[in-house]
C-alpha atoms as a PDB file:
ATOM      1  CA  UNK A   1     -18.778 100.036  30.464  1.00  0.00           C
ATOM      2  CA  UNK A   2     -22.198  99.154  30.512  1.00  0.00           C
ATOM      3  CA  UNK A   3     -21.844  96.779  27.530  1.00  0.00           C
ATOM      4  CA  UNK A   4     -18.771  95.081  29.303  1.00  0.00           C
ATOM      5  CA  UNK A   5     -21.050  94.577  32.454  1.00  0.00           C
ATOM      6  CA  UNK A   6     -23.648  92.955  30.078  1.00  0.00           C
ATOM      7  CA  UNK A   7     -21.032  90.762  28.631  1.00  0.00           C
ATOM      8  CA  UNK A   8     -19.886  89.709  31.889  1.00  0.00           C
ATOM      9  CA  UNK A   9     -23.321  88.828  33.295  1.00  0.00           C
ATOM     10  CA  UNK A  10     -24.005  86.763  30.241  1.00  0.00           C
ATOM     11  CA  UNK A  11     -20.860  84.887  30.625  1.00  0.00           C
ATOM     12  CA  UNK A  12     -21.443  84.117  34.180  1.00  0.00           C
ATOM     13  CA  UNK A  13     -24.889  82.862  33.524  1.00  0.00           C
ATOM     14  CA  UNK A  14     -23.730  80.793  30.744  1.00  0.00           C
ATOM     15  CA  UNK A  15     -20.688  79.336  33.064  1.00  0.00           C
ATOM     16  CA  UNK A  16     -23.268  78.557  35.799  1.00  0.00           C
ATOM     17  CA  UNK A  17     -25.620  76.704  33.398  1.00  0.00           C
ATOM     18  CA  UNK A  18     -22.691  74.690  32.161  1.00  0.00           C
ATOM     19  CA  UNK A  19     -21.413  73.686  35.335  1.00  0.00           C
ATOM     20  CA  UNK A  20     -24.937  72.479  36.465  1.00  0.00           C
ATOM     21  CA  UNK A  21     -25.274  70.540  33.432  1.00  0.00           C
ATOM     22  CA  UNK A  22     -21.847  69.031  33.997  1.00  0.00           C
ATOM     23  CA  UNK A  23     -23.014  68.217  37.682  1.00  0.00           C
ATOM     24  CA  UNK A  24     -26.225  66.765  36.427  1.00  0.00           C
ATOM     25  CA  UNK A  25     -24.258  64.394  34.186  1.00  0.00           C
ATOM     26  CA  UNK A  26     -22.244  63.250  36.890  1.00  0.00           C
ATOM     27  CA  UNK A  27     -25.155  62.418  39.038  1.00  0.00           C
ATOM     28  CA  UNK A  28     -27.032  60.506  36.150  1.00  0.00           C
ATOM     29  CA  UNK A  29     -27.522  56.641  36.832  1.00  0.00           C
ATOM     30  CA  UNK A  30     -24.877  54.505  35.342  1.00  0.00           C
ATOM     31  CA  UNK A  31     -26.622  51.829  33.116  1.00  0.00           C
ATOM     32  CA  UNK A  32     -26.176  48.300  34.078  1.00  0.00           C
ATOM     33  CA  UNK A  33     -26.202  45.916  31.001  1.00  0.00           C
ATOM     34  CA  UNK A  34     -28.387  43.067  31.323  1.00  0.00           C
ATOM     35  CA  UNK A  35     -27.539  39.704  29.815  1.00  0.00           C
ATOM     36  CA  UNK A  36     -30.247  37.728  27.805  1.00  0.00           C
ATOM     37  CA  UNK A  37     -30.641  34.153  28.920  1.00  0.00           C
ATOM     38  CA  UNK A  38     -33.035  31.479  27.154  1.00  0.00           C
ATOM     39  CA  UNK A  39     -34.524  29.001  29.724  1.00  0.00           C
ATOM     40  CA  UNK A  40     -37.155  26.131  29.050  1.00  0.00           C
ATOM     41  CA  UNK A  41     -39.857  24.393  30.679  1.00  0.00           C
ATOM     42  CA  UNK A  42     -38.505  20.966  30.876  1.00  0.00           C
ATOM     43  CA  UNK A  43     -34.908  21.893  31.353  1.00  0.00           C
ATOM     44  CA  UNK A  44     -33.164  23.545  34.253  1.00  0.00           C
ATOM     45  CA  UNK A  45     -30.494  26.508  33.723  1.00  0.00           C
ATOM     46  CA  UNK A  46     -27.579  26.699  36.134  1.00  0.00           C
ATOM     47  CA  UNK A  47     -25.755  29.964  36.597  1.00  0.00           C
ATOM     48  CA  UNK A  48     -22.650  30.016  38.519  1.00  0.00           C
ATOM     49  CA  UNK A  49     -21.602  33.347  40.181  1.00  0.00           C
ATOM     50  CA  UNK A  50     -18.098  34.249  41.567  1.00  0.00           C
ATOM     51  CA  UNK A  51     -19.475  34.982  45.164  1.00  0.00           C
ATOM     52  CA  UNK A  52     -22.260  33.603  47.268  1.00  0.00           C
ATOM     53  CA  UNK A  53     -25.880  34.793  46.353  1.00  0.00           C
ATOM     54  CA  UNK A  54     -27.499  36.927  48.698  1.00  0.00           C
ATOM     55  CA  UNK A  55     -30.592  38.229  47.056  1.00  0.00           C
ATOM     56  CA  UNK A  56     -32.828  36.991  44.201  1.00  0.00           C
ATOM     57  CA  UNK A  57     -35.704  38.831  42.683  1.00  0.00           C
ATOM     58  CA  UNK A  58     -37.793  37.466  39.825  1.00  0.00           C
ATOM     59  CA  UNK A  59     -39.870  39.643  37.704  1.00  0.00           C
ATOM     60  CA  UNK A  60     -42.593  37.097  37.178  1.00  0.00           C
ATOM     61  CA  UNK A  61     -44.199  34.069  38.909  1.00  0.00           C
ATOM     62  CA  UNK A  62     -43.966  32.334  35.500  1.00  0.00           C
ATOM     63  CA  UNK A  63     -40.189  31.702  36.567  1.00  0.00           C
ATOM     64  CA  UNK A  64     -38.933  29.152  39.226  1.00  0.00           C
ATOM     65  CA  UNK A  65     -35.797  30.063  40.960  1.00  0.00           C
ATOM     66  CA  UNK A  66     -33.858  28.638  43.787  1.00  0.00           C
ATOM     67  CA  UNK A  67     -30.234  28.175  44.782  1.00  0.00           C
ATOM     68  CA  UNK A  68     -28.611  24.504  44.172  1.00  0.00           C
ATOM     69  CA  UNK A  69     -29.098  22.678  47.354  1.00  0.00           C
ATOM     70  CA  UNK A  70     -26.028  23.008  49.799  1.00  0.00           C
ATOM     71  CA  UNK A  71     -24.411  25.607  47.528  1.00  0.00           C
ATOM     72  CA  UNK A  72     -24.166  29.297  47.811  1.00  0.00           C
ATOM     73  CA  UNK A  73     -23.262  30.537  44.429  1.00  0.00           C
ATOM     74  CA  UNK A  74     -25.056  28.511  41.946  1.00  0.00           C
ATOM     75  CA  UNK A  75     -28.641  29.579  40.928  1.00  0.00           C
ATOM     76  CA  UNK A  76     -31.093  27.322  39.197  1.00  0.00           C
ATOM     77  CA  UNK A  77     -33.680  28.721  36.755  1.00  0.00           C
ATOM     78  CA  UNK A  78     -36.596  27.021  34.838  1.00  0.00           C
ATOM     79  CA  UNK A  79     -39.993  28.166  33.340  1.00  0.00           C
ATOM     80  CA  UNK A  80     -43.051  27.549  35.281  1.00  0.00           C
ATOM     81  CA  UNK A  81     -45.260  28.398  32.307  1.00  0.00           C
ATOM     82  CA  UNK A  82     -44.676  27.331  28.886  1.00  0.00           C
ATOM     83  CA  UNK A  83     -44.369  30.454  26.404  1.00  0.00           C
ATOM     84  CA  UNK A  84     -43.991  32.990  29.250  1.00  0.00           C
ATOM     85  CA  UNK A  85     -43.722  36.696  28.153  1.00  0.00           C
ATOM     86  CA  UNK A  86     -40.198  38.144  28.438  1.00  0.00           C
ATOM     87  CA  UNK A  87     -39.313  38.958  32.124  1.00  0.00           C
ATOM     88  CA  UNK A  88     -36.241  39.762  34.109  1.00  0.00           C
ATOM     89  CA  UNK A  89     -34.124  38.530  37.081  1.00  0.00           C
ATOM     90  CA  UNK A  90     -31.873  40.473  39.445  1.00  0.00           C
ATOM     91  CA  UNK A  91     -29.307  38.806  41.688  1.00  0.00           C
ATOM     92  CA  UNK A  92     -26.903  40.266  44.309  1.00  0.00           C
ATOM     93  CA  UNK A  93     -24.005  38.665  45.529  1.00  0.00           C
ATOM     94  CA  UNK A  94     -21.927  38.654  48.531  1.00  0.00           C
ATOM     95  CA  UNK A  95     -19.385  41.032  47.056  1.00  0.00           C
ATOM     96  CA  UNK A  96     -22.129  43.753  46.699  1.00  0.00           C
ATOM     97  CA  UNK A  97     -22.414  43.402  43.005  1.00  0.00           C
ATOM     98  CA  UNK A  98     -25.896  43.372  41.208  1.00  0.00           C
ATOM     99  CA  UNK A  99     -26.456  41.293  38.094  1.00  0.00           C
ATOM    100  CA  UNK A 100     -29.491  41.687  35.796  1.00  0.00           C
ATOM    101  CA  UNK A 101     -30.709  39.314  33.241  1.00  0.00           C
ATOM    102  CA  UNK A 102     -33.493  39.350  30.643  1.00  0.00           C
ATOM    103  CA  UNK A 103     -35.206  35.923  30.493  1.00  0.00           C
ATOM    104  CA  UNK A 104     -36.683  34.639  27.424  1.00  0.00           C
ATOM    105  CA  UNK A 105     -38.495  31.295  26.659  1.00  0.00           C
ATOM    106  CA  UNK A 106     -36.933  28.854  24.341  1.00  0.00           C
ATOM    107  CA  UNK A 107     -37.797  25.023  24.835  1.00  0.00           C
ATOM    108  CA  UNK A 108     -35.624  23.871  21.940  1.00  0.00           C
ATOM    109  CA  UNK A 109     -32.559  25.583  22.623  1.00  0.00           C
ATOM    110  CA  UNK A 110     -32.142  26.753  26.324  1.00  0.00           C
ATOM    111  CA  UNK A 111     -28.897  27.859  27.863  1.00  0.00           C
ATOM    112  CA  UNK A 112     -28.178  25.274  30.416  1.00  0.00           C
ATOM    113  CA  UNK A 113     -25.023  25.982  32.184  1.00  0.00           C
ATOM    114  CA  UNK A 114     -23.603  29.688  32.452  1.00  0.00           C
ATOM    115  CA  UNK A 115     -20.893  31.451  34.409  1.00  0.00           C
ATOM    116  CA  UNK A 116     -21.276  35.314  34.963  1.00  0.00           C
ATOM    117  CA  UNK A 117     -17.498  35.793  35.129  1.00  0.00           C
ATOM    118  CA  UNK A 118     -16.590  33.952  31.918  1.00  0.00           C
ATOM    119  CA  UNK A 119     -14.517  31.462  33.506  1.00  0.00           C
ATOM    120  CA  UNK A 120     -15.016  27.983  32.267  1.00  0.00           C
ATOM    121  CA  UNK A 121     -17.475  25.962  34.426  1.00  0.00           C
ATOM    122  CA  UNK A 122     -14.949  23.157  35.337  1.00  0.00           C
ATOM    123  CA  UNK A 123     -12.657  25.541  36.874  1.00  0.00           C
ATOM    124  CA  UNK A 124     -15.269  27.845  38.772  1.00  0.00           C
ATOM    125  CA  UNK A 125     -14.868  27.713  42.418  1.00  0.00           C
ATOM    126  CA  UNK A 126     -17.984  26.226  44.409  1.00  0.00           C
ATOM    127  CA  UNK A 127     -19.111  27.609  47.666  1.00  0.00           C
ATOM    128  CA  UNK A 128     -20.893  25.244  49.966  1.00  0.00           C
ATOM    129  CA  UNK A 129     -23.213  26.331  52.527  1.00  0.00           C
ATOM    130  CA  UNK A 130     -21.722  26.526  56.107  1.00  0.00           C
ATOM    131  CA  UNK A 131     -24.810  24.880  57.361  1.00  0.00           C
ATOM    132  CA  UNK A 132     -24.806  21.903  55.020  1.00  0.00           C
ATOM    133  CA  UNK A 133     -21.317  21.441  54.147  1.00  0.00           C
ATOM    134  CA  UNK A 134     -20.735  18.789  51.283  1.00  0.00           C
ATOM    135  CA  UNK A 135     -23.851  16.641  51.309  1.00  0.00           C
ATOM    136  CA  UNK A 136     -22.237  13.696  49.416  1.00  0.00           C
ATOM    137  CA  UNK A 137     -19.515  13.706  51.917  1.00  0.00           C
ATOM    138  CA  UNK A 138     -21.730  13.735  54.918  1.00  0.00           C
ATOM    139  CA  UNK A 139     -23.880  11.049  53.687  1.00  0.00           C
ATOM    140  CA  UNK A 140     -20.711   8.695  53.343  1.00  0.00           C
ATOM    141  CA  UNK A 141     -19.655   9.719  56.740  1.00  0.00           C
ATOM    142  CA  UNK A 142     -23.066   8.757  58.186  1.00  0.00           C
ATOM    143  CA  UNK A 143     -22.734   5.339  56.603  1.00  0.00           C
ATOM    144  CA  UNK A 144     -19.427   4.919  58.389  1.00  0.00           C
ATOM    145  CA  UNK A 145     -21.179   6.082  61.738  1.00  0.00           C
ATOM    146  CA  UNK A 146     -23.872   3.501  61.200  1.00  0.00           C
ATOM    147  CA  UNK A 147     -21.488   0.656  60.775  1.00  0.00           C
ATOM    148  CA  UNK A 148     -18.773   1.665  63.310  1.00  0.00           C
ATOM    149  CA  UNK A 149     -18.418  -0.851  66.002  1.00  0.00           C
ATOM    150  CA  UNK A 150     -17.627   1.501  68.991  1.00  0.00           C
ATOM    151  CA  UNK A 151     -20.592   2.259  71.216  1.00  0.00           C
ATOM    152  CA  UNK A 152     -21.307   4.394  74.106  1.00  0.00           C
ATOM    153  CA  UNK A 153     -23.110   3.416  77.164  1.00  0.00           C
ATOM    154  CA  UNK A 154     -25.861   4.842  79.331  1.00  0.00           C
ATOM    155  CA  UNK A 155     -27.799   6.888  77.055  1.00  0.00           C
ATOM    156  CA  UNK A 156     -31.072   5.127  76.956  1.00  0.00           C
ATOM    157  CA  UNK A 157     -34.799   5.229  78.054  1.00  0.00           C
ATOM    158  CA  UNK A 158     -37.056   2.311  78.050  1.00  0.00           C
ATOM    159  CA  UNK A 159     -40.693   2.455  78.803  1.00  0.00           C
ATOM    160  CA  UNK A 160     -44.000   1.531  77.045  1.00  0.00           C
ATOM    161  CA  UNK A 161     -42.279  -1.260  75.265  1.00  0.00           C
ATOM    162  CA  UNK A 162     -40.234   1.383  73.502  1.00  0.00           C
ATOM    163  CA  UNK A 163     -36.544   1.492  73.843  1.00  0.00           C
ATOM    164  CA  UNK A 164     -34.761   4.751  72.630  1.00  0.00           C
ATOM    165  CA  UNK A 165     -30.919   4.621  72.787  1.00  0.00           C
ATOM    166  CA  UNK A 166     -28.066   6.947  71.980  1.00  0.00           C
ATOM    167  CA  UNK A 167     -25.691   4.151  70.536  1.00  0.00           C
ATOM    168  CA  UNK A 168     -22.855   6.422  69.426  1.00  0.00           C
ATOM    169  CA  UNK A 169     -21.402   9.908  68.926  1.00  0.00           C
ATOM    170  CA  UNK A 170     -18.659  10.427  66.070  1.00  0.00           C
ATOM    171  CA  UNK A 171     -17.144  13.351  64.391  1.00  0.00           C
ATOM    172  CA  UNK A 172     -15.334  14.124  61.178  1.00  0.00           C
ATOM    173  CA  UNK A 173     -14.762  17.580  59.350  1.00  0.00           C
ATOM    174  CA  UNK A 174     -16.711  19.759  62.006  1.00  0.00           C
ATOM    175  CA  UNK A 175     -19.979  17.380  61.465  1.00  0.00           C
ATOM    176  CA  UNK A 176     -20.979  15.206  64.543  1.00  0.00           C
ATOM    177  CA  UNK A 177     -22.827  12.138  63.863  1.00  0.00           C
ATOM    178  CA  UNK A 178     -25.321  10.856  66.416  1.00  0.00           C
ATOM    179  CA  UNK A 179     -26.467   7.218  66.207  1.00  0.00           C
ATOM    180  CA  UNK A 180     -29.708   6.532  67.748  1.00  0.00           C
ATOM    181  CA  UNK A 181     -31.740   3.218  67.902  1.00  0.00           C
ATOM    182  CA  UNK A 182     -35.491   3.023  68.347  1.00  0.00           C
ATOM    183  CA  UNK A 183     -36.801  -0.480  69.282  1.00  0.00           C
ATOM    184  CA  UNK A 184     -40.472  -1.153  69.297  1.00  0.00           C
ATOM    185  CA  UNK A 185     -41.066  -4.459  71.408  1.00  0.00           C
ATOM    186  CA  UNK A 186     -44.817  -3.915  71.223  1.00  0.00           C
ATOM    187  CA  UNK A 187     -47.291  -4.984  68.504  1.00  0.00           C
ATOM    188  CA  UNK A 188     -48.663  -1.529  67.984  1.00  0.00           C
ATOM    189  CA  UNK A 189     -46.669   0.633  65.107  1.00  0.00           C
ATOM    190  CA  UNK A 190     -44.946   3.644  66.513  1.00  0.00           C
ATOM    191  CA  UNK A 191     -45.660   6.678  64.419  1.00  0.00           C
ATOM    192  CA  UNK A 192     -43.142   9.256  64.655  1.00  0.00           C
ATOM    193  CA  UNK A 193     -44.229  12.882  65.065  1.00  0.00           C
ATOM    194  CA  UNK A 194     -40.876  14.204  65.737  1.00  0.00           C
ATOM    195  CA  UNK A 195     -37.206  13.267  66.819  1.00  0.00           C
ATOM    196  CA  UNK A 196     -35.552  16.404  67.532  1.00  0.00           C
ATOM    197  CA  UNK A 197     -32.439  17.810  69.451  1.00  0.00           C
ATOM    198  CA  UNK A 198     -32.507  20.776  71.953  1.00  0.00           C
ATOM    199  CA  UNK A 199     -30.012  22.481  74.428  1.00  0.00           C
ATOM    200  CA  UNK A 200     -31.721  23.347  77.579  1.00  0.00           C
ATOM    201  CA  UNK A 201     -30.796  24.931  81.005  1.00  0.00           C
ATOM    202  CA  UNK A 202     -30.171  22.237  83.817  1.00  0.00           C
ATOM    203  CA  UNK A 203     -31.952  24.344  86.361  1.00  0.00           C
ATOM    204  CA  UNK A 204     -35.144  26.521  86.011  1.00  0.00           C
ATOM    205  CA  UNK A 205     -35.042  29.463  88.016  1.00  0.00           C
ATOM    206  CA  UNK A 206     -38.410  30.810  89.229  1.00  0.00           C
ATOM    207  CA  UNK A 207     -40.043  33.696  87.239  1.00  0.00           C
ATOM    208  CA  UNK A 208     -37.237  32.993  84.599  1.00  0.00           C
ATOM    209  CA  UNK A 209     -38.038  31.396  81.202  1.00  0.00           C
ATOM    210  CA  UNK A 210     -36.255  28.309  80.220  1.00  0.00           C
ATOM    211  CA  UNK A 211     -34.024  29.076  77.358  1.00  0.00           C
ATOM    212  CA  UNK A 212     -34.326  26.245  74.690  1.00  0.00           C
ATOM    213  CA  UNK A 213     -32.042  26.272  71.386  1.00  0.00           C
ATOM    214  CA  UNK A 214     -33.012  23.570  68.792  1.00  0.00           C
ATOM    215  CA  UNK A 215     -30.176  22.080  66.821  1.00  0.00           C
ATOM    216  CA  UNK A 216     -31.262  21.015  63.433  1.00  0.00           C
ATOM    217  CA  UNK A 217     -29.606  18.182  61.382  1.00  0.00           C
ATOM    218  CA  UNK A 218     -27.992  18.734  57.853  1.00  0.00           C
ATOM    219  CA  UNK A 219     -28.810  15.010  57.090  1.00  0.00           C
ATOM    220  CA  UNK A 220     -30.455  11.817  58.492  1.00  0.00           C
ATOM    221  CA  UNK A 221     -29.619   8.499  57.541  1.00  0.00           C
ATOM    222  CA  UNK A 222     -32.456   5.774  57.661  1.00  0.00           C
ATOM    223  CA  UNK A 223     -35.112   8.526  58.050  1.00  0.00           C
ATOM    224  CA  UNK A 224     -38.346   6.649  58.611  1.00  0.00           C
ATOM    225  CA  UNK A 225     -41.733   7.861  59.564  1.00  0.00           C
ATOM    226  CA  UNK A 226     -42.706   4.818  61.649  1.00  0.00           C
ATOM    227  CA  UNK A 227     -41.431   1.947  63.549  1.00  0.00           C
ATOM    228  CA  UNK A 228     -43.344  -1.129  63.037  1.00  0.00           C
ATOM    229  CA  UNK A 229     -44.269  -3.566  65.744  1.00  0.00           C
ATOM    230  CA  UNK A 230     -41.621  -5.790  66.999  1.00  0.00           C
ATOM    231  CA  UNK A 231     -39.078  -4.131  65.018  1.00  0.00           C
ATOM    232  CA  UNK A 232     -36.298  -1.462  65.215  1.00  0.00           C
ATOM    233  CA  UNK A 233     -34.524   1.152  63.206  1.00  0.00           C
ATOM    234  CA  UNK A 234     -31.064   2.801  63.591  1.00  0.00           C
ATOM    235  CA  UNK A 235     -30.699   6.516  62.670  1.00  0.00           C
ATOM    236  CA  UNK A 236     -27.712   8.512  62.116  1.00  0.00           C
ATOM    237  CA  UNK A 237     -28.091  12.329  62.574  1.00  0.00           C
ATOM    238  CA  UNK A 238     -25.423  14.706  61.130  1.00  0.00           C
ATOM    239  CA  UNK A 239     -25.277  17.875  63.157  1.00  0.00           C
ATOM    240  CA  UNK A 240     -22.813  20.939  63.083  1.00  0.00           C
ATOM    241  CA  UNK A 241     -20.401  20.411  65.719  1.00  0.00           C
ATOM    242  CA  UNK A 242     -21.032  21.775  69.261  1.00  0.00           C
ATOM    243  CA  UNK A 243     -20.257  21.493  73.133  1.00  0.00           C
ATOM    244  CA  UNK A 244     -22.533  22.187  75.893  1.00  0.00           C
ATOM    245  CA  UNK A 245     -21.872  24.516  78.919  1.00  0.00           C
ATOM    246  CA  UNK A 246     -21.959  22.991  82.339  1.00  0.00           C
ATOM    247  CA  UNK A 247     -25.290  24.566  83.351  1.00  0.00           C
ATOM    248  CA  UNK A 248     -27.062  23.023  80.206  1.00  0.00           C
ATOM    249  CA  UNK A 249     -27.604  19.545  78.673  1.00  0.00           C
ATOM    250  CA  UNK A 250     -28.625  18.075  75.217  1.00  0.00           C
ATOM    251  CA  UNK A 251     -32.240  16.784  74.999  1.00  0.00           C
ATOM    252  CA  UNK A 252     -32.969  14.200  72.440  1.00  0.00           C
ATOM    253  CA  UNK A 253     -36.845  14.186  72.056  1.00  0.00           C
ATOM    254  CA  UNK A 254     -38.928  11.483  70.436  1.00  0.00           C
ATOM    255  CA  UNK A 255     -42.685  12.109  70.103  1.00  0.00           C
ATOM    256  CA  UNK A 256     -45.267   9.628  68.897  1.00  0.00           C
ATOM    257  CA  UNK A 257     -47.951  10.984  66.589  1.00  0.00           C
ATOM    258  CA  UNK A 258     -51.357  10.745  67.937  1.00  0.00           C
ATOM    259  CA  UNK A 259     -50.011   8.851  70.979  1.00  0.00           C
ATOM    260  CA  UNK A 260     -48.507   9.041  74.342  1.00  0.00           C
ATOM    261  CA  UNK A 261     -45.312   6.965  74.118  1.00  0.00           C
ATOM    262  CA  UNK A 262     -43.114   9.955  74.251  1.00  0.00           C
ATOM    263  CA  UNK A 263     -39.356   9.556  75.002  1.00  0.00           C
ATOM    264  CA  UNK A 264     -36.418  11.871  75.756  1.00  0.00           C
ATOM    265  CA  UNK A 265     -32.679  11.279  76.382  1.00  0.00           C
ATOM    266  CA  UNK A 266     -30.542  13.868  78.448  1.00  0.00           C
ATOM    267  CA  UNK A 267     -27.143  13.995  77.398  1.00  0.00           C
ATOM    268  CA  UNK A 268     -24.263  15.865  79.464  1.00  0.00           C
ATOM    269  CA  UNK A 269     -21.169  17.447  77.998  1.00  0.00           C
ATOM    270  CA  UNK A 270     -18.996  14.674  79.415  1.00  0.00           C
ATOM    271  CA  UNK A 271     -20.671  12.188  77.285  1.00  0.00           C
ATOM    272  CA  UNK A 272     -20.222  14.653  74.184  1.00  0.00           C
ATOM    273  CA  UNK A 273     -16.493  14.842  74.963  1.00  0.00           C
ATOM    274  CA  UNK A 274     -16.277  11.040  74.379  1.00  0.00           C
ATOM    275  CA  UNK A 275     -17.051  11.553  70.703  1.00  0.00           C
ATOM    276  CA  UNK A 276     -15.108   9.014  68.375  1.00  0.00           C
ATOM    277  CA  UNK A 277     -13.214  10.260  65.283  1.00  0.00           C
ATOM    278  CA  UNK A 278     -14.265   8.547  62.146  1.00  0.00           C
ATOM    279  CA  UNK A 279     -11.749   7.496  59.704  1.00  0.00           C
ATOM    280  CA  UNK A 280     -11.003   9.818  56.776  1.00  0.00           C
ATOM    281  CA  UNK A 281     -12.653   8.735  53.545  1.00  0.00           C
END
């Protein structure tokens, strides 16, 4: 009987150890395989991901990394230092997946175009940034807005021999195009410090801070730093579409660098609603 109790006790201990070992095995980290990528100093490597890139971490400052301009799922990589020591790159995409890469230097045979899901690059879907859209398309519509004959009236300020005028408002594919003319009738060059768009409160209540929201353009056609004396320039600003509440207005602010010839146009929603639809490309 005594021997039986001893056997049962030993069996119980062994069973407990085995169960603990199995649980430990289940709790072990799952290894994520790392792909090896060869990159160079004078060439850029493009990696296409199946979803938008949310996070990027490089293992060394010897690597330059950026998302392709206006695109959400293409990562561009190149060496910042020739012959760098092997390092790594970690990428997290919008679907919650983590990708790990081992980066090696190879100036002679860098890998230039890669797709992480093995789909042919030509068939890989491209995700444009919501803020920027298709930059090439926006540039073409900006040119259409520049040459469009339709105009709007009343949106101008004329002081200090500087005329600042909102000449047209257009729209296509959820992008609005504001055509602005700055005419310098003086003999003094007008250096532009900033030309910005804000949505502001129409009335300022005492003891209450005025709310001011800046709208940043995705593209500017004919973006110049100065207007020479006795000359003018026509800008086209591409902005994501918007409307203005009744108690607010759009302020378009032109500021002179190292000068005092500041201008501002106040635009109500009624004028915004008269937007002209550009013809489809």
